[in-house]
Amino acid sequence: MTRNPDLSQPAAKPRTRGKRILAAVGGCLILCVLAALLIGYYGSPVTQAISAHRAVRYAEEAHPGYVYTIEKVESEPGFIDDVFLQAEGSLDNHFIVTYNLGRLMGDSYDNQVANGGNTWNRISDRLWADTKAALAEAGLTEAQVSLWHDYIMLDGVEQAVPAEGRPALTVDMPYDPANLPPVALLLDVNCDAITNETPAEAEAYLHQAREAVQAAGLDFAAYAVTMLAADGQHYTTELAF
């Protein structure tokens, strides 16, 4: 027995060819927009490869005398690629070249290499560790160590570190604790470990610290101590040489 069709429901209209094409085009456009947004935020292997190739060529022309290799390429939002370059045979000649859609935006050579940024970071890391070890050996573990190259800030006043007879900071210079560039040692002392927070106590601490680091072969150009008191006052020694 044949059932009668349900005449209360309208028959489904078939989709026209034009509507199907429009739907497909709309879907493609959405995918393209999403892809562009993702590439703009995360970067793409294609833009990174282009940036890397141009960065090496640029570095060899702008900063000649080295063969540059790529350590890594990182992408930032806005189609920006940062190319990290390392010069073969050099400790300190490494810097970043930045591209935006293949267009050179700049490089960090002046700050990191020419002006000694990488060299100072490398030397100061070793010097900081050796200084902490020397102070600990002398039982002076309560001081916070800071190193100042060329100048030092004491009580908000900038003072030059003596440079006479000391080597200038140069690219790839070796770490030589007995022949340091102009570096001052500043110690901020935690007064919980000090009995009397006075200028005389700060001077005495400076004397102990200087003897400790000199005994370890560390040749600082100048020394200073800031002693923080429990009531918020502080005592800073004069810059000692």
Protein backbone atom coordinates (compact mmCIF):
# COMPACT_ATOMS: atom_id res chain seq x y z
CA MET A 1 0.00 0.00 0.00
CA THR A 2 1.41 3.37 -1.04
CA ARG A 3 1.46 6.17 1.52
CA ASN A 4 0.15 9.55 0.53
CA PRO A 5 2.81 12.30 0.58
CA ASP A 6 2.64 14.83 3.41
CA LEU A 7 1.32 17.80 1.53
CA SER A 8 1.62 20.04 4.64
CA GLN A 9 5.50 20.30 4.21
CA PRO A 10 6.80 22.34 1.24
CA ALA A 11 9.19 20.52 -1.05
CA ALA A 12 12.92 21.44 -0.53
CA LYS A 13 14.27 23.68 -3.27
CA PRO A 14 17.53 22.58 -4.81
CA ARG A 15 20.48 24.99 -4.36
CA THR A 16 21.32 26.81 -7.51
CA ARG A 17 24.80 26.61 -9.06
CA GLY A 18 25.34 30.32 -8.39
CA LYS A 19 24.66 29.98 -4.67
CA ARG A 20 27.05 27.07 -4.39
CA ILE A 21 29.78 29.10 -6.09
CA LEU A 22 29.19 32.08 -3.82
CA ALA A 23 29.34 29.86 -0.72
CA ALA A 24 32.61 28.31 -1.89
CA VAL A 25 34.13 31.72 -2.65
CA GLY A 26 33.03 33.04 0.75
CA GLY A 27 34.60 30.06 2.50
CA CYS A 28 37.86 30.56 0.60
CA LEU A 29 37.92 34.24 1.52
CA ILE A 30 37.44 33.42 5.19
CA LEU A 31 40.26 30.87 5.05
CA CYS A 32 42.53 33.36 3.28
CA VAL A 33 41.84 36.04 5.88
CA LEU A 34 42.51 33.59 8.72
CA ALA A 35 45.73 32.42 7.04
CA ALA A 36 46.90 36.02 6.56
CA LEU A 37 46.19 36.80 10.20
CA LEU A 38 48.04 33.71 11.40
CA ILE A 39 51.05 34.39 9.13
CA GLY A 40 51.07 38.04 10.22
CA TYR A 41 51.17 37.01 13.86
CA TYR A 42 53.30 33.87 13.83
CA GLY A 43 55.31 34.32 10.63
CA SER A 44 55.82 31.74 7.94
CA PRO A 45 58.67 29.56 6.70
CA VAL A 46 58.64 31.51 3.43
CA THR A 47 59.07 34.98 4.98
CA GLN A 48 61.60 33.62 7.46
CA ALA A 49 63.66 32.06 4.67
CA ILE A 50 63.64 35.31 2.69
CA SER A 51 64.61 37.34 5.76
CA ALA A 52 67.40 34.92 6.65
CA HIS A 53 68.90 35.04 3.16
CA ARG A 54 68.80 38.83 3.03
CA ALA A 55 70.16 39.19 6.58
CA VAL A 56 73.32 37.19 5.85
CA ARG A 57 73.95 39.12 2.65
CA TYR A 58 73.32 42.43 4.42
CA ALA A 59 75.61 41.59 7.37
CA GLU A 60 78.51 40.56 5.14
CA GLU A 61 78.21 43.84 3.22
CA ALA A 62 77.49 46.21 6.13
CA HIS A 63 79.89 44.63 8.66
CA PRO A 64 82.57 42.92 6.55
CA GLY A 65 85.47 40.79 7.62
CA TYR A 66 83.42 37.90 9.00
CA VAL A 67 81.37 34.99 7.76
CA TYR A 68 77.94 35.21 9.36
CA THR A 69 75.73 32.27 10.22
CA ILE A 70 72.14 32.20 11.43
CA GLU A 71 71.47 31.11 15.00
CA LYS A 72 67.68 31.36 14.68
CA VAL A 73 64.84 33.35 13.14
CA GLU A 74 61.92 34.56 15.25
CA SER A 75 58.73 36.16 13.99
CA GLU A 76 56.72 38.92 15.65
CA PRO A 77 53.22 40.22 14.90
CA GLY A 78 53.03 42.45 11.83
CA PHE A 79 55.04 40.27 9.41
CA ILE A 80 58.28 41.08 11.26
CA ASP A 81 61.19 38.62 11.29
CA ASP A 82 64.17 38.91 13.67
CA VAL A 83 67.25 37.14 12.33
CA PHE A 84 69.90 36.32 14.96
CA LEU A 85 73.35 36.35 13.36
CA GLN A 86 76.67 35.04 14.68
CA ALA A 87 80.04 35.83 13.14
CA GLU A 88 82.21 32.74 12.86
CA GLY A 89 85.36 32.89 14.98
CA SER A 90 84.07 35.69 17.22
CA LEU A 91 82.82 35.62 20.81
CA ASP A 92 81.06 38.96 20.71
CA ASN A 93 80.07 39.65 17.12
CA HIS A 94 76.46 38.54 17.26
CA PHE A 95 73.44 40.76 16.70
CA ILE A 96 69.89 40.91 15.32
CA VAL A 97 68.74 42.06 11.89
CA THR A 98 65.02 42.87 11.58
CA TYR A 99 62.89 42.67 8.44
CA ASN A 100 59.28 43.58 7.75
CA LEU A 101 57.87 41.78 4.70
CA GLY A 102 61.42 41.48 3.36
CA ARG A 103 62.22 45.17 3.97
CA LEU A 104 65.18 45.96 6.25
CA MET A 105 64.02 47.69 9.44
CA GLY A 106 67.38 47.90 11.24
CA ASP A 107 70.02 45.97 13.13
CA SER A 108 71.44 45.94 16.65
CA TYR A 109 75.11 45.84 15.62
CA ASP A 110 75.98 49.24 17.09
CA ASN A 111 74.52 48.48 20.53
CA GLN A 112 75.56 44.85 20.78
CA VAL A 113 78.91 44.81 19.00
CA ALA A 114 80.40 48.21 18.13
CA ASN A 115 79.57 49.80 21.50
CA GLY A 116 80.68 46.74 23.47
CA GLY A 117 77.33 45.48 24.73
CA ASN A 118 78.04 41.80 24.10
CA THR A 119 81.62 42.09 25.34
CA TRP A 120 80.56 43.76 28.58
CA ASN A 121 77.84 41.20 29.20
CA ARG A 122 80.27 38.32 28.73
CA ILE A 123 82.99 39.83 30.94
CA SER A 124 80.63 41.12 33.63
CA ASP A 125 78.95 37.71 33.98
CA ARG A 126 82.32 36.09 34.75
CA LEU A 127 83.41 38.96 36.96
CA TRP A 128 80.15 38.96 38.94
CA ALA A 129 80.46 35.22 39.65
CA ASP A 130 84.12 35.55 40.70
CA THR A 131 83.32 38.52 42.93
CA LYS A 132 80.48 36.69 44.67
CA ALA A 133 82.75 33.71 45.25
CA ALA A 134 85.52 35.91 46.69
CA LEU A 135 83.12 37.66 49.07
CA ALA A 136 81.60 34.35 50.17
CA GLU A 137 85.08 32.99 50.85
CA ALA A 138 85.62 35.97 53.18
CA GLY A 139 82.24 35.45 54.88
CA LEU A 140 80.71 38.59 53.31
CA THR A 141 77.53 36.99 51.99
CA GLU A 142 75.00 39.71 52.80
CA ALA A 143 76.04 42.18 50.06
CA GLN A 144 74.29 42.59 46.74
CA VAL A 145 76.92 42.97 44.04
CA SER A 146 76.63 45.39 41.12
CA LEU A 147 79.28 46.25 38.55
CA TRP A 148 79.57 49.63 36.84
CA HIS A 149 81.55 50.18 33.66
CA ASP A 150 82.92 53.68 32.88
CA TYR A 151 80.67 55.42 35.43
CA ILE A 152 78.88 54.73 38.70
CA MET A 153 75.76 56.25 40.30
CA LEU A 154 76.19 57.12 43.98
CA ASP A 155 73.31 58.86 45.75
CA GLY A 156 71.93 59.93 42.40
CA VAL A 157 75.20 61.48 41.25
CA GLU A 158 77.07 60.08 38.26
CA GLN A 159 80.79 59.68 38.81
CA ALA A 160 83.41 58.56 36.31
CA VAL A 161 85.33 55.36 37.00
CA PRO A 162 89.10 55.92 36.68
CA ALA A 163 90.29 54.67 33.31
CA GLU A 164 93.99 55.57 33.36
CA GLY A 165 96.21 52.56 32.74
CA ARG A 166 93.26 50.27 32.03
CA PRO A 167 92.35 48.60 28.73
CA ALA A 168 89.36 49.83 26.79
CA LEU A 169 86.48 47.47 26.22
CA THR A 170 87.02 45.92 22.79
CA VAL A 171 85.26 43.22 20.82
CA ASP A 172 86.44 39.69 21.73
CA MET A 173 88.83 40.91 24.45
CA PRO A 174 89.64 38.06 26.85
CA TYR A 175 88.38 38.01 30.41
CA ASP A 176 91.40 38.92 32.54
CA PRO A 177 90.44 39.63 36.18
CA ALA A 178 93.87 41.14 36.82
CA ASN A 179 93.60 43.53 33.87
CA LEU A 180 90.01 44.73 33.79
CA PRO A 181 88.58 47.67 31.85
CA PRO A 182 87.35 50.60 34.02
CA VAL A 183 84.93 48.80 36.36
CA ALA A 184 83.69 49.87 39.79
CA LEU A 185 82.33 47.47 42.41
CA LEU A 186 79.27 48.65 44.36
CA LEU A 187 78.03 46.63 47.32
CA ASP A 188 74.55 47.15 48.78
CA VAL A 189 74.64 45.68 52.27
CA ASN A 190 71.70 44.13 54.07
CA CYS A 191 71.76 45.73 57.53
CA ASP A 192 70.11 42.74 59.19
CA ALA A 193 73.63 41.34 59.38
CA ILE A 194 75.26 44.57 60.58
CA THR A 195 75.37 45.64 64.24
CA ASN A 196 75.76 49.41 63.83
CA GLU A 197 74.63 51.09 60.61
CA THR A 198 77.04 54.00 60.56
CA PRO A 199 79.37 55.58 57.99
CA ALA A 200 82.31 54.06 59.88
CA GLU A 201 80.73 50.59 59.60
CA ALA A 202 80.30 51.10 55.87
CA GLU A 203 83.95 52.10 55.53
CA ALA A 204 85.03 49.03 57.48
CA TYR A 205 82.92 46.80 55.25
CA LEU A 206 84.42 48.39 52.16
CA HIS A 207 87.92 47.67 53.48
CA GLN A 208 87.04 44.00 54.08
CA ALA A 209 85.44 43.59 50.69
CA ARG A 210 88.31 45.23 48.85
CA GLU A 211 90.83 42.97 50.56
CA ALA A 212 88.72 39.91 49.72
CA VAL A 213 88.41 40.60 45.99
CA GLN A 214 92.02 41.72 45.64
CA ALA A 215 93.16 38.52 47.31
CA ALA A 216 91.21 36.67 44.61
CA GLY A 217 93.09 38.57 41.90
CA LEU A 218 90.20 40.87 40.89
CA ASP A 219 91.51 44.33 39.98
CA PHE A 220 88.64 46.80 40.22
CA ALA A 221 89.28 50.46 39.44
CA ALA A 222 87.06 51.69 42.29
CA TYR A 223 84.88 50.51 45.18
CA ALA A 224 81.85 51.81 47.06
CA VAL A 225 79.47 50.50 49.72
CA THR A 226 75.88 51.52 50.42
CA MET A 227 74.60 50.41 53.81
CA LEU A 228 70.82 50.37 54.16
CA ALA A 229 69.54 51.01 57.68
CA ALA A 230 66.41 49.48 59.16
CA ASP A 231 64.79 52.93 59.42
CA GLY A 232 65.20 53.57 55.71
CA GLN A 233 68.32 55.69 55.97
CA HIS A 234 71.44 54.70 54.14
CA TYR A 235 75.13 55.41 54.31
CA THR A 236 77.24 55.46 51.16
CA THR A 237 81.00 55.55 51.23
CA GLU A 238 82.99 57.84 49.02
CA LEU A 239 84.32 56.20 45.89
CA ALA A 240 87.50 54.41 46.95
CA PHE A 241 90.37 53.53 44.63
